[in-house]
C-alpha atoms as a PDB file:
ATOM      1  CA  MET A   1      -9.913 -51.733 -15.826  1.00  0.00           C
ATOM      2  CA  LYS A   2      -9.183 -48.358 -17.375  1.00  0.00           C
ATOM      3  CA  ARG A   3      -9.608 -49.904 -20.879  1.00  0.00           C
ATOM      4  CA  GLN A   4     -12.889 -51.515 -19.935  1.00  0.00           C
ATOM      5  CA  VAL A   5     -14.284 -48.148 -18.664  1.00  0.00           C
ATOM      6  CA  LEU A   6     -13.304 -46.379 -21.917  1.00  0.00           C
ATOM      7  CA  LEU A   7     -14.850 -49.297 -23.974  1.00  0.00           C
ATOM      8  CA  LEU A   8     -18.197 -49.043 -22.152  1.00  0.00           C
ATOM      9  CA  ILE A   9     -18.203 -45.190 -22.738  1.00  0.00           C
ATOM     10  CA  SER A  10     -17.492 -45.665 -26.414  1.00  0.00           C
ATOM     11  CA  ILE A  11     -20.339 -48.197 -26.640  1.00  0.00           C
ATOM     12  CA  PHE A  12     -22.653 -45.686 -24.798  1.00  0.00           C
ATOM     13  CA  CYS A  13     -21.869 -42.803 -27.091  1.00  0.00           C
ATOM     14  CA  LEU A  14     -22.212 -44.918 -30.308  1.00  0.00           C
ATOM     15  CA  SER A  15     -25.687 -46.219 -29.322  1.00  0.00           C
ATOM     16  CA  SER A  16     -26.676 -42.816 -28.161  1.00  0.00           C
ATOM     17  CA  ALA A  17     -25.813 -41.286 -31.517  1.00  0.00           C
ATOM     18  CA  ILE A  18     -27.530 -44.239 -33.483  1.00  0.00           C
ATOM     19  CA  GLY A  19     -30.649 -44.882 -31.451  1.00  0.00           C
ATOM     20  CA  GLN A  20     -32.075 -41.472 -30.409  1.00  0.00           C
ATOM     21  CA  VAL A  21     -35.935 -41.640 -30.387  1.00  0.00           C
ATOM     22  CA  SER A  22     -38.409 -38.800 -29.307  1.00  0.00           C
ATOM     23  CA  TYR A  23     -42.054 -38.777 -28.682  1.00  0.00           C
ATOM     24  CA  SER A  24     -44.590 -36.141 -27.677  1.00  0.00           C
ATOM     25  CA  ILE A  25     -47.647 -36.872 -25.544  1.00  0.00           C
ATOM     26  CA  PRO A  26     -50.208 -34.626 -23.745  1.00  0.00           C
ATOM     27  CA  GLU A  27     -50.249 -34.429 -20.014  1.00  0.00           C
ATOM     28  CA  GLU A  28     -52.929 -36.383 -18.137  1.00  0.00           C
ATOM     29  CA  MET A  29     -52.995 -39.397 -20.454  1.00  0.00           C
ATOM     30  CA  ALA A  30     -54.725 -42.364 -18.686  1.00  0.00           C
ATOM     31  CA  LYS A  31     -52.521 -45.267 -17.287  1.00  0.00           C
ATOM     32  CA  GLY A  32     -51.816 -47.791 -19.984  1.00  0.00           C
ATOM     33  CA  SER A  33     -52.011 -45.250 -23.016  1.00  0.00           C
ATOM     34  CA  LEU A  34     -49.750 -45.830 -25.913  1.00  0.00           C
ATOM     35  CA  VAL A  35     -46.673 -43.648 -26.117  1.00  0.00           C
ATOM     36  CA  GLY A  36     -44.994 -45.176 -29.155  1.00  0.00           C
ATOM     37  CA  ASN A  37     -43.896 -48.362 -30.885  1.00  0.00           C
ATOM     38  CA  ILE A  38     -40.244 -48.415 -29.550  1.00  0.00           C
ATOM     39  CA  ALA A  39     -39.183 -51.763 -31.221  1.00  0.00           C
ATOM     40  CA  GLN A  40     -40.415 -50.403 -34.677  1.00  0.00           C
ATOM     41  CA  ASP A  41     -38.877 -46.949 -34.171  1.00  0.00           C
ATOM     42  CA  LEU A  42     -35.463 -48.482 -33.062  1.00  0.00           C
ATOM     43  CA  GLY A  43     -35.565 -51.090 -35.815  1.00  0.00           C
ATOM     44  CA  LEU A  44     -35.439 -53.903 -33.291  1.00  0.00           C
ATOM     45  CA  ASP A  45     -37.050 -57.358 -33.384  1.00  0.00           C
ATOM     46  CA  VAL A  46     -39.528 -57.843 -30.417  1.00  0.00           C
ATOM     47  CA  LYS A  47     -37.539 -61.078 -29.658  1.00  0.00           C
ATOM     48  CA  ARG A  48     -34.552 -58.885 -29.011  1.00  0.00           C
ATOM     49  CA  LEU A  49     -36.333 -57.099 -26.180  1.00  0.00           C
ATOM     50  CA  LYS A  50     -37.062 -60.353 -24.592  1.00  0.00           C
ATOM     51  CA  THR A  51     -33.739 -62.150 -24.903  1.00  0.00           C
ATOM     52  CA  GLY A  52     -31.859 -58.914 -24.085  1.00  0.00           C
ATOM     53  CA  LYS A  53     -33.779 -58.373 -20.969  1.00  0.00           C
ATOM     54  CA  GLY A  54     -34.929 -55.016 -22.103  1.00  0.00           C
ATOM     55  CA  ARG A  55     -35.836 -52.488 -19.523  1.00  0.00           C
ATOM     56  CA  ILE A  56     -36.087 -48.742 -18.773  1.00  0.00           C
ATOM     57  CA  TYR A  57     -33.384 -46.942 -16.880  1.00  0.00           C
ATOM     58  CA  THR A  58     -34.305 -43.600 -15.419  1.00  0.00           C
ATOM     59  CA  GLY A  59     -31.499 -43.036 -12.916  1.00  0.00           C
ATOM     60  CA  ASP A  60     -32.870 -41.466  -9.936  1.00  0.00           C
ATOM     61  CA  SER A  61     -36.105 -39.900 -11.402  1.00  0.00           C
ATOM     62  CA  VAL A  62     -39.622 -41.483 -11.059  1.00  0.00           C
ATOM     63  CA  GLN A  63     -40.649 -43.883 -13.795  1.00  0.00           C
ATOM     64  CA  TYR A  64     -43.676 -42.571 -15.665  1.00  0.00           C
ATOM     65  CA  ILE A  65     -43.298 -44.726 -18.716  1.00  0.00           C
ATOM     66  CA  GLU A  66     -43.087 -48.497 -18.868  1.00  0.00           C
ATOM     67  CA  LEU A  67     -41.798 -50.908 -21.569  1.00  0.00           C
ATOM     68  CA  ASN A  68     -44.236 -53.723 -22.656  1.00  0.00           C
ATOM     69  CA  LYS A  69     -41.674 -56.353 -24.033  1.00  0.00           C
ATOM     70  CA  GLU A  70     -44.385 -58.591 -25.517  1.00  0.00           C
ATOM     71  CA  ARG A  71     -45.614 -55.817 -27.745  1.00  0.00           C
ATOM     72  CA  GLY A  72     -42.543 -53.723 -28.124  1.00  0.00           C
ATOM     73  CA  VAL A  73     -44.334 -50.599 -27.148  1.00  0.00           C
ATOM     74  CA  LEU A  74     -43.979 -47.866 -24.471  1.00  0.00           C
ATOM     75  CA  LEU A  75     -46.991 -47.218 -22.289  1.00  0.00           C
ATOM     76  CA  VAL A  76     -47.905 -44.625 -19.572  1.00  0.00           C
ATOM     77  CA  LYS A  77     -47.272 -46.130 -16.402  1.00  0.00           C
ATOM     78  CA  GLU A  78     -48.489 -43.210 -14.072  1.00  0.00           C
ATOM     79  CA  LYS A  79     -50.667 -40.267 -15.100  1.00  0.00           C
ATOM     80  CA  ILE A  80     -48.391 -37.269 -15.763  1.00  0.00           C
ATOM     81  CA  ASP A  81     -49.212 -33.793 -14.452  1.00  0.00           C
ATOM     82  CA  ARG A  82     -47.124 -31.329 -16.352  1.00  0.00           C
ATOM     83  CA  GLU A  83     -47.501 -28.610 -13.936  1.00  0.00           C
ATOM     84  CA  VAL A  84     -46.317 -31.036 -11.061  1.00  0.00           C
ATOM     85  CA  LEU A  85     -43.484 -32.323 -13.099  1.00  0.00           C
ATOM     86  CA  CYS A  86     -41.949 -29.210 -14.659  1.00  0.00           C
ATOM     87  CA  ARG A  87     -43.885 -26.222 -13.233  1.00  0.00           C
ATOM     88  CA  GLN A  88     -43.357 -23.346 -15.589  1.00  0.00           C
ATOM     89  CA  THR A  89     -40.345 -24.882 -17.456  1.00  0.00           C
ATOM     90  CA  THR A  90     -40.727 -25.460 -20.964  1.00  0.00           C
ATOM     91  CA  PRO A  91     -40.183 -27.649 -22.911  1.00  0.00           C
ATOM     92  CA  CYS A  92     -41.107 -30.306 -20.215  1.00  0.00           C
ATOM     93  CA  ALA A  93     -39.655 -33.843 -21.120  1.00  0.00           C
ATOM     94  CA  LEU A  94     -38.796 -37.098 -19.506  1.00  0.00           C
ATOM     95  CA  HIS A  95     -35.334 -38.559 -20.486  1.00  0.00           C
ATOM     96  CA  PHE A  96     -34.504 -42.152 -20.094  1.00  0.00           C
ATOM     97  CA  GLN A  97     -32.826 -45.166 -21.729  1.00  0.00           C
ATOM     98  CA  ILE A  98     -33.904 -48.475 -23.074  1.00  0.00           C
ATOM     99  CA  THR A  99     -31.097 -51.082 -22.016  1.00  0.00           C
ATOM    100  CA  LEU A 100     -30.330 -54.454 -23.558  1.00  0.00           C
ATOM    101  CA  GLU A 101     -27.882 -57.108 -22.722  1.00  0.00           C
ATOM    102  CA  ASN A 102     -25.789 -59.613 -24.707  1.00  0.00           C
ATOM    103  CA  PRO A 103     -24.547 -57.589 -26.225  1.00  0.00           C
ATOM    104  CA  LEU A 104     -24.922 -54.268 -24.278  1.00  0.00           C
ATOM    105  CA  GLU A 105     -26.970 -51.663 -26.064  1.00  0.00           C
ATOM    106  CA  LEU A 106     -28.332 -48.242 -24.755  1.00  0.00           C
ATOM    107  CA  PHE A 107     -31.006 -46.340 -26.673  1.00  0.00           C
ATOM    108  CA  PRO A 108     -31.781 -42.755 -25.209  1.00  0.00           C
ATOM    109  CA  VAL A 109     -35.526 -41.928 -25.367  1.00  0.00           C
ATOM    110  CA  THR A 110     -37.144 -38.466 -24.870  1.00  0.00           C
ATOM    111  CA  VAL A 111     -40.841 -38.023 -24.199  1.00  0.00           C
ATOM    112  CA  GLU A 112     -41.960 -34.511 -24.313  1.00  0.00           C
ATOM    113  CA  ILE A 113     -45.021 -33.713 -22.219  1.00  0.00           C
ATOM    114  CA  THR A 114     -47.348 -31.024 -23.819  1.00  0.00           C
ATOM    115  CA  ASP A 115     -49.695 -28.728 -21.712  1.00  0.00           C
ATOM    116  CA  THR A 116     -53.423 -29.253 -21.871  1.00  0.00           C
ATOM    117  CA  ASN A 117     -55.848 -26.674 -20.466  1.00  0.00           C
ATOM    118  CA  ASP A 118     -56.642 -28.429 -17.244  1.00  0.00           C
ATOM    119  CA  ASN A 119     -56.370 -25.460 -14.823  1.00  0.00           C
ATOM    120  CA  ALA A 120     -58.523 -22.400 -14.570  1.00  0.00           C
ATOM    121  CA  PRO A 121     -57.165 -19.040 -13.353  1.00  0.00           C
ATOM    122  CA  VAL A 122     -57.728 -18.618  -9.695  1.00  0.00           C
ATOM    123  CA  PHE A 123     -57.671 -15.586  -7.291  1.00  0.00           C
ATOM    124  CA  GLN A 124     -56.310 -16.215  -3.777  1.00  0.00           C
ATOM    125  CA  LYS A 125     -59.230 -14.055  -2.378  1.00  0.00           C
ATOM    126  CA  GLN A 126     -62.672 -14.461  -3.729  1.00  0.00           C
ATOM    127  CA  GLU A 127     -63.673 -10.909  -2.531  1.00  0.00           C
ATOM    128  CA  ARG A 128     -62.137  -7.482  -2.205  1.00  0.00           C
ATOM    129  CA  ARG A 129     -63.727  -4.494  -0.436  1.00  0.00           C
ATOM    130  CA  PHE A 130     -62.754  -0.695  -0.777  1.00  0.00           C
ATOM    131  CA  GLU A 131     -64.046   2.432   0.959  1.00  0.00           C
ATOM    132  CA  ILE A 132     -63.580   5.351  -1.450  1.00  0.00           C
ATOM    133  CA  SER A 133     -64.536   8.980  -0.814  1.00  0.00           C
ATOM    134  CA  GLU A 134     -66.838  10.568  -3.387  1.00  0.00           C
ATOM    135  CA  SER A 135     -64.327  13.278  -3.426  1.00  0.00           C
ATOM    136  CA  ALA A 136     -61.612  10.966  -4.931  1.00  0.00           C
ATOM    137  CA  VAL A 137     -59.986  12.544  -8.084  1.00  0.00           C
ATOM    138  CA  ILE A 138     -60.278  11.014 -11.477  1.00  0.00           C
ATOM    139  CA  GLY A 139     -57.259   8.732 -12.130  1.00  0.00           C
ATOM    140  CA  SER A 140     -57.128   7.457  -8.586  1.00  0.00           C
ATOM    141  CA  LYS A 141     -55.567   3.906  -8.607  1.00  0.00           C
ATOM    142  CA  PHE A 142     -56.490   0.920  -6.547  1.00  0.00           C
ATOM    143  CA  MET A 143     -54.279  -2.246  -6.556  1.00  0.00           C
ATOM    144  CA  LEU A 144     -56.016  -5.627  -7.207  1.00  0.00           C
ATOM    145  CA  GLU A 145     -54.666  -9.168  -6.742  1.00  0.00           C
ATOM    146  CA  LYS A 146     -53.528 -11.037  -9.816  1.00  0.00           C
ATOM    147  CA  ALA A 147     -54.948 -14.477 -10.707  1.00  0.00           C
ATOM    148  CA  ILE A 148     -52.662 -17.448 -10.841  1.00  0.00           C
ATOM    149  CA  ASP A 149     -52.867 -20.152 -13.684  1.00  0.00           C
ATOM    150  CA  PRO A 150     -50.191 -22.901 -13.654  1.00  0.00           C
ATOM    151  CA  ASP A 151     -50.820 -23.675 -17.454  1.00  0.00           C
ATOM    152  CA  ILE A 152     -48.441 -22.251 -19.940  1.00  0.00           C
ATOM    153  CA  GLY A 153     -48.534 -20.550 -23.301  1.00  0.00           C
ATOM    154  CA  GLN A 154     -51.958 -20.007 -24.748  1.00  0.00           C
ATOM    155  CA  ASN A 155     -53.484 -22.243 -22.061  1.00  0.00           C
ATOM    156  CA  GLY A 156     -52.295 -19.799 -19.362  1.00  0.00           C
ATOM    157  CA  LEU A 157     -53.699 -16.526 -18.084  1.00  0.00           C
ATOM    158  CA  GLN A 158     -54.455 -14.178 -21.044  1.00  0.00           C
ATOM    159  CA  ARG A 159     -56.564 -11.198 -20.043  1.00  0.00           C
ATOM    160  CA  TYR A 160     -58.690  -9.536 -17.486  1.00  0.00           C
ATOM    161  CA  THR A 161     -62.078  -7.991 -17.691  1.00  0.00           C
ATOM    162  CA  LEU A 162     -64.016  -5.685 -15.196  1.00  0.00           C
ATOM    163  CA  LYS A 163     -67.745  -5.270 -15.196  1.00  0.00           C
ATOM    164  CA  PRO A 164     -69.697  -3.129 -15.023  1.00  0.00           C
ATOM    165  CA  SER A 165     -67.131  -0.590 -16.318  1.00  0.00           C
ATOM    166  CA  GLU A 166     -68.972   2.775 -15.673  1.00  0.00           C
ATOM    167  CA  ASN A 167     -66.955   4.128 -12.906  1.00  0.00           C
ATOM    168  CA  PHE A 168     -63.770   2.141 -13.077  1.00  0.00           C
ATOM    169  CA  VAL A 169     -61.329   0.820 -15.714  1.00  0.00           C
ATOM    170  CA  LEU A 170     -58.560  -1.710 -15.566  1.00  0.00           C
ATOM    171  CA  LYS A 171     -54.837  -0.955 -16.391  1.00  0.00           C
ATOM    172  CA  LEU A 172     -52.360  -3.826 -16.469  1.00  0.00           C
ATOM    173  CA  HIS A 173     -48.470  -3.568 -16.092  1.00  0.00           C
ATOM    174  CA  THR A 174     -46.364  -6.197 -17.269  1.00  0.00           C
ATOM    175  CA  GLN A 175     -43.710  -7.251 -14.727  1.00  0.00           C
ATOM    176  CA  ALA A 176     -40.154  -8.469 -15.232  1.00  0.00           C
ATOM    177  CA  ASP A 177     -41.315 -12.173 -14.752  1.00  0.00           C
ATOM    178  CA  GLY A 178     -43.929 -11.817 -17.400  1.00  0.00           C
ATOM    179  CA  SER A 179     -46.921 -11.555 -14.970  1.00  0.00           C
ATOM    180  CA  LYS A 180     -49.214  -8.580 -14.885  1.00  0.00           C
ATOM    181  CA  LYS A 181     -49.907  -6.071 -12.133  1.00  0.00           C
ATOM    182  CA  VAL A 182     -53.700  -5.290 -12.095  1.00  0.00           C
ATOM    183  CA  GLU A 183     -54.897  -1.753 -11.175  1.00  0.00           C
ATOM    184  CA  MET A 184     -58.474  -0.499 -10.911  1.00  0.00           C
ATOM    185  CA  ILE A 185     -58.542   3.250 -11.924  1.00  0.00           C
ATOM    186  CA  LEU A 186     -61.371   5.708 -11.340  1.00  0.00           C
ATOM    187  CA  GLN A 187     -62.666   7.176 -14.558  1.00  0.00           C
ATOM    188  CA  LYS A 188     -65.924   8.861 -13.481  1.00  0.00           C
ATOM    189  CA  PRO A 189     -66.796  10.714 -10.230  1.00  0.00           C
ATOM    190  CA  LEU A 190     -68.520   8.953  -7.453  1.00  0.00           C
ATOM    191  CA  ASP A 191     -71.761  10.222  -6.095  1.00  0.00           C
ATOM    192  CA  ARG A 192     -72.876   8.729  -2.622  1.00  0.00           C
ATOM    193  CA  GLU A 193     -76.369  10.269  -3.113  1.00  0.00           C
ATOM    194  CA  LYS A 194     -76.864   8.320  -6.327  1.00  0.00           C
ATOM    195  CA  GLN A 195     -75.049   5.044  -5.479  1.00  0.00           C
ATOM    196  CA  GLU A 196     -73.735   4.301  -2.078  1.00  0.00           C
ATOM    197  CA  HIS A 197     -72.554   0.680  -2.862  1.00  0.00           C
ATOM    198  CA  ILE A 198     -70.920  -0.428  -6.078  1.00  0.00           C
ATOM    199  CA  SER A 199     -70.481  -4.184  -7.056  1.00  0.00           C
ATOM    200  CA  LEU A 200     -68.053  -5.222  -9.633  1.00  0.00           C
ATOM    201  CA  VAL A 201     -66.685  -8.526 -10.956  1.00  0.00           C
ATOM    202  CA  LEU A 202     -63.078  -8.923 -12.102  1.00  0.00           C
ATOM    203  CA  THR A 203     -62.706 -11.971 -14.401  1.00  0.00           C
ATOM    204  CA  ALA A 204     -59.336 -13.671 -15.461  1.00  0.00           C
ATOM    205  CA  GLU A 205     -59.500 -15.626 -18.680  1.00  0.00           C
ATOM    206  CA  ASP A 206     -57.164 -18.117 -20.278  1.00  0.00           C
ATOM    207  CA  GLY A 207     -56.787 -18.713 -23.918  1.00  0.00           C
ATOM    208  CA  GLY A 208     -57.431 -22.507 -23.922  1.00  0.00           C
ATOM    209  CA  GLU A 209     -60.142 -24.599 -25.681  1.00  0.00           C
ATOM    210  CA  PRO A 210     -62.483 -24.631 -23.929  1.00  0.00           C
ATOM    211  CA  GLN A 211     -61.705 -21.420 -22.172  1.00  0.00           C
ATOM    212  CA  MET A 212     -61.498 -21.288 -18.422  1.00  0.00           C
ATOM    213  CA  THR A 213     -62.123 -18.437 -16.167  1.00  0.00           C
ATOM    214  CA  GLY A 214     -61.815 -17.309 -12.487  1.00  0.00           C
ATOM    215  CA  THR A 215     -63.697 -14.402 -10.739  1.00  0.00           C
ATOM    216  CA  MET A 216     -63.238 -12.075  -7.866  1.00  0.00           C
ATOM    217  CA  HIS A 217     -65.995  -9.989  -6.564  1.00  0.00           C
ATOM    218  CA  ILE A 218     -65.237  -6.257  -5.640  1.00  0.00           C
ATOM    219  CA  HIS A 219     -67.456  -4.331  -3.274  1.00  0.00           C
ATOM    220  CA  VAL A 220     -66.928  -0.487  -3.139  1.00  0.00           C
ATOM    221  CA  THR A 221     -68.555   1.684  -0.505  1.00  0.00           C
ATOM    222  CA  VAL A 222     -68.750   5.351  -1.312  1.00  0.00           C
ATOM    223  CA  LEU A 223     -68.029   7.650   1.440  1.00  0.00           C
ATOM    224  CA  ASP A 224     -69.512  11.072   1.967  1.00  0.00           C
ATOM    225  CA  ALA A 225     -67.006  13.787   1.197  1.00  0.00           C
ATOM    226  CA  THR A 226     -68.163  16.008   3.985  1.00  0.00           C
ATOM    227  CA  THR A 227     -67.822  13.269   6.616  1.00  0.00           C
ATOM    228  CA  MET A 228     -64.582  14.154   8.701  1.00  0.00           C
ATOM    229  CA  PRO A 229     -62.930  11.278  10.632  1.00  0.00           C
ATOM    230  CA  LEU A 230     -63.321  11.379  14.427  1.00  0.00           C
ATOM    231  CA  PHE A 231     -60.246  10.820  16.605  1.00  0.00           C
ATOM    232  CA  SER A 232     -60.403   9.686  20.340  1.00  0.00           C
ATOM    233  CA  VAL A 233     -58.139  11.493  22.568  1.00  0.00           C
ATOM    234  CA  ASN A 234     -56.056   9.806  25.173  1.00  0.00           C
ATOM    235  CA  PRO A 235     -57.103  10.980  28.842  1.00  0.00           C
ATOM    236  CA  PHE A 236     -53.587  11.875  29.716  1.00  0.00           C
ATOM    237  CA  THR A 237     -53.103  13.885  26.531  1.00  0.00           C
ATOM    238  CA  LYS A 238     -56.402  15.655  27.230  1.00  0.00           C
ATOM    239  CA  ARG A 239     -55.176  16.803  30.816  1.00  0.00           C
ATOM    240  CA  ALA A 240     -52.001  17.829  29.333  1.00  0.00           C
ATOM    241  CA  LEU A 241     -53.610  20.006  26.818  1.00  0.00           C
ATOM    242  CA  GLN A 242     -55.872  21.519  29.537  1.00  0.00           C
ATOM    243  CA  LYS A 243     -52.731  22.542  31.554  1.00  0.00           C
ATOM    244  CA  THR A 244     -50.931  24.142  28.692  1.00  0.00           C
ATOM    245  CA  PRO A 245     -50.847  27.813  29.166  1.00  0.00           C
ATOM    246  CA  GLN A 246     -52.740  29.793  26.490  1.00  0.00           C
END
């Protein structure tokens, strides 16, 4: 029994070294799309796929690719969403084997799934409101939410713009995970008498073709510097203050 197991392992390793085939396809290809001519690339006769009961073995993973034994080709069985399959992991690839019987042959196959620009940057909130005193000093910072884009590389989030940019500018800080913290910084004094409300648009852009964007609207209310906040006094606190000897 032990010798049979060792023989099976030897056959597997030998066929793995000889028959390695790799393909690369973009995500979101339609069901039935051609991945590659596996019979030709492995140097097999199409008849061998039939007589050897050729099939795809994926282990426990979902089978996204199917084998057409009549044509000797691999086809897309289910539309593949790279972001669902691999999230931010790169490269993103499917690994499986073509198995044949009589004699036993195993051929490892790798299909890399490349990213397409199918997601626009998205802000979790569509609006953000600030109340800022006209006495706020130049350089005052206001944190903004960052956009999220599940695409990777050039298709992922690349830059932010803020318009109009008369009173505020953007400053980005790169985080340890590669994302960017977004700050809005006051660069020009506010004047309530001239402009009580300021409307801004923060735009997140990716680098794909065609380019995709997401926006968040920012509303700033300018407060009068001479207005002092009013505090209500608890009745019990008021009586205690009245009883306090002067």
